[in-house]
Amino acid sequence: MSSKIRELFGLSTQSEQKVDWKKIVQHQHCPYLDRTCLKNRKSRPEIAIGTCSVSYGKENRDVIICPHRLLERRQIFSDCIHLLTLHQPGNQFHIVPELTVPGGSIDYCLASVRGGRVKDFVGVELQTLDTTGTVWPARQRFLKDKGISVSARDTNSPKSFGMNWKMTAKTILVQLHHKVETFEHMSKHLVLVAQDHLIAYMREQFSFDHLQAARIGDPMHFHSYALRESRGAHQIELADRLSTDTNGIAACLGLKANPKVDMEIVVAQIEAKISPKTLLTL
């Protein structure tokens, strides 16, 4: 029986290459963040769970459950460059994390910078599916199958996991509605990066008929990524793009908000965080 865990610490559990899983689990390294995995066990925070994607449902769909998995090759930022409409050759690209805006924070900002000054920027939000229950027993059973000693209590546990489709989708739409008006007010773009399975669910369960093929003039963009498998490895691939405006997001939920923020506030945050470490090299 194949494992429900599809990727662990960035490596495919179906890899055709020999993997020292004991060493991988000991190091707890996330290749997408280039640091220790941030998904820790609540009962033992020194232990990283490390699960990037899982197999779920009757169709055995590969579902990404960690937003950092979307950072592979920094592809999602390259796919947003065309939205930097004020970018000019010679400007540098910087990836700046965690900007505060009305309604919360933005996961990342892709900025066009010249001489240390921001010339343009795009907000990038990452969203993957939240799980219900726990993936830990499935993770431990996979490691046991690889000959690694694990607790029998874990491997024999009847606990399983599910996907919190409705809450994940509704939460991100509400958050986007609070944020996109800010970006529209600044004449900037906000991009939601999500897996194709989640976008498909949102299109089925919410009013998405008014969304259209991506237009550069719209402030709100949806970038849908598929997780492809080839020769025992996984890779994300841009599958579809949609766009709309503030009213379009409101139409999905029937909500109203009025977040405003001055351009100078956001630009100041970006400029304070740019450094050689944030520089995007293509």
Foldseek 3Di string as FASTA:
>chain_A
DDFQQQDFLQAGLQAPDDDPVVVCQVLCARPLVRGHACQADPVDRVGHRRGQWGQDDPVRATFGADQSNVSVVPVVLVVCVVLQVQADPPWFWFWFAWDDFFLGTFGIKIFTHDPLATRAIETEHEAGWHKAKDCQLSSVCSVVVVVDDDDPCSVVDPIDMGTPLPVRLVVVLVSCLRPQLQQVVVQGAYEYEYEPVSVVSLVVPWPCPPKDADDSNARYKYWYWYWDDDNSHTDIDTDGMIGHHSVNSCRRPVDDDDTYDDPVSRRVVVSVGDDPVRTDDD
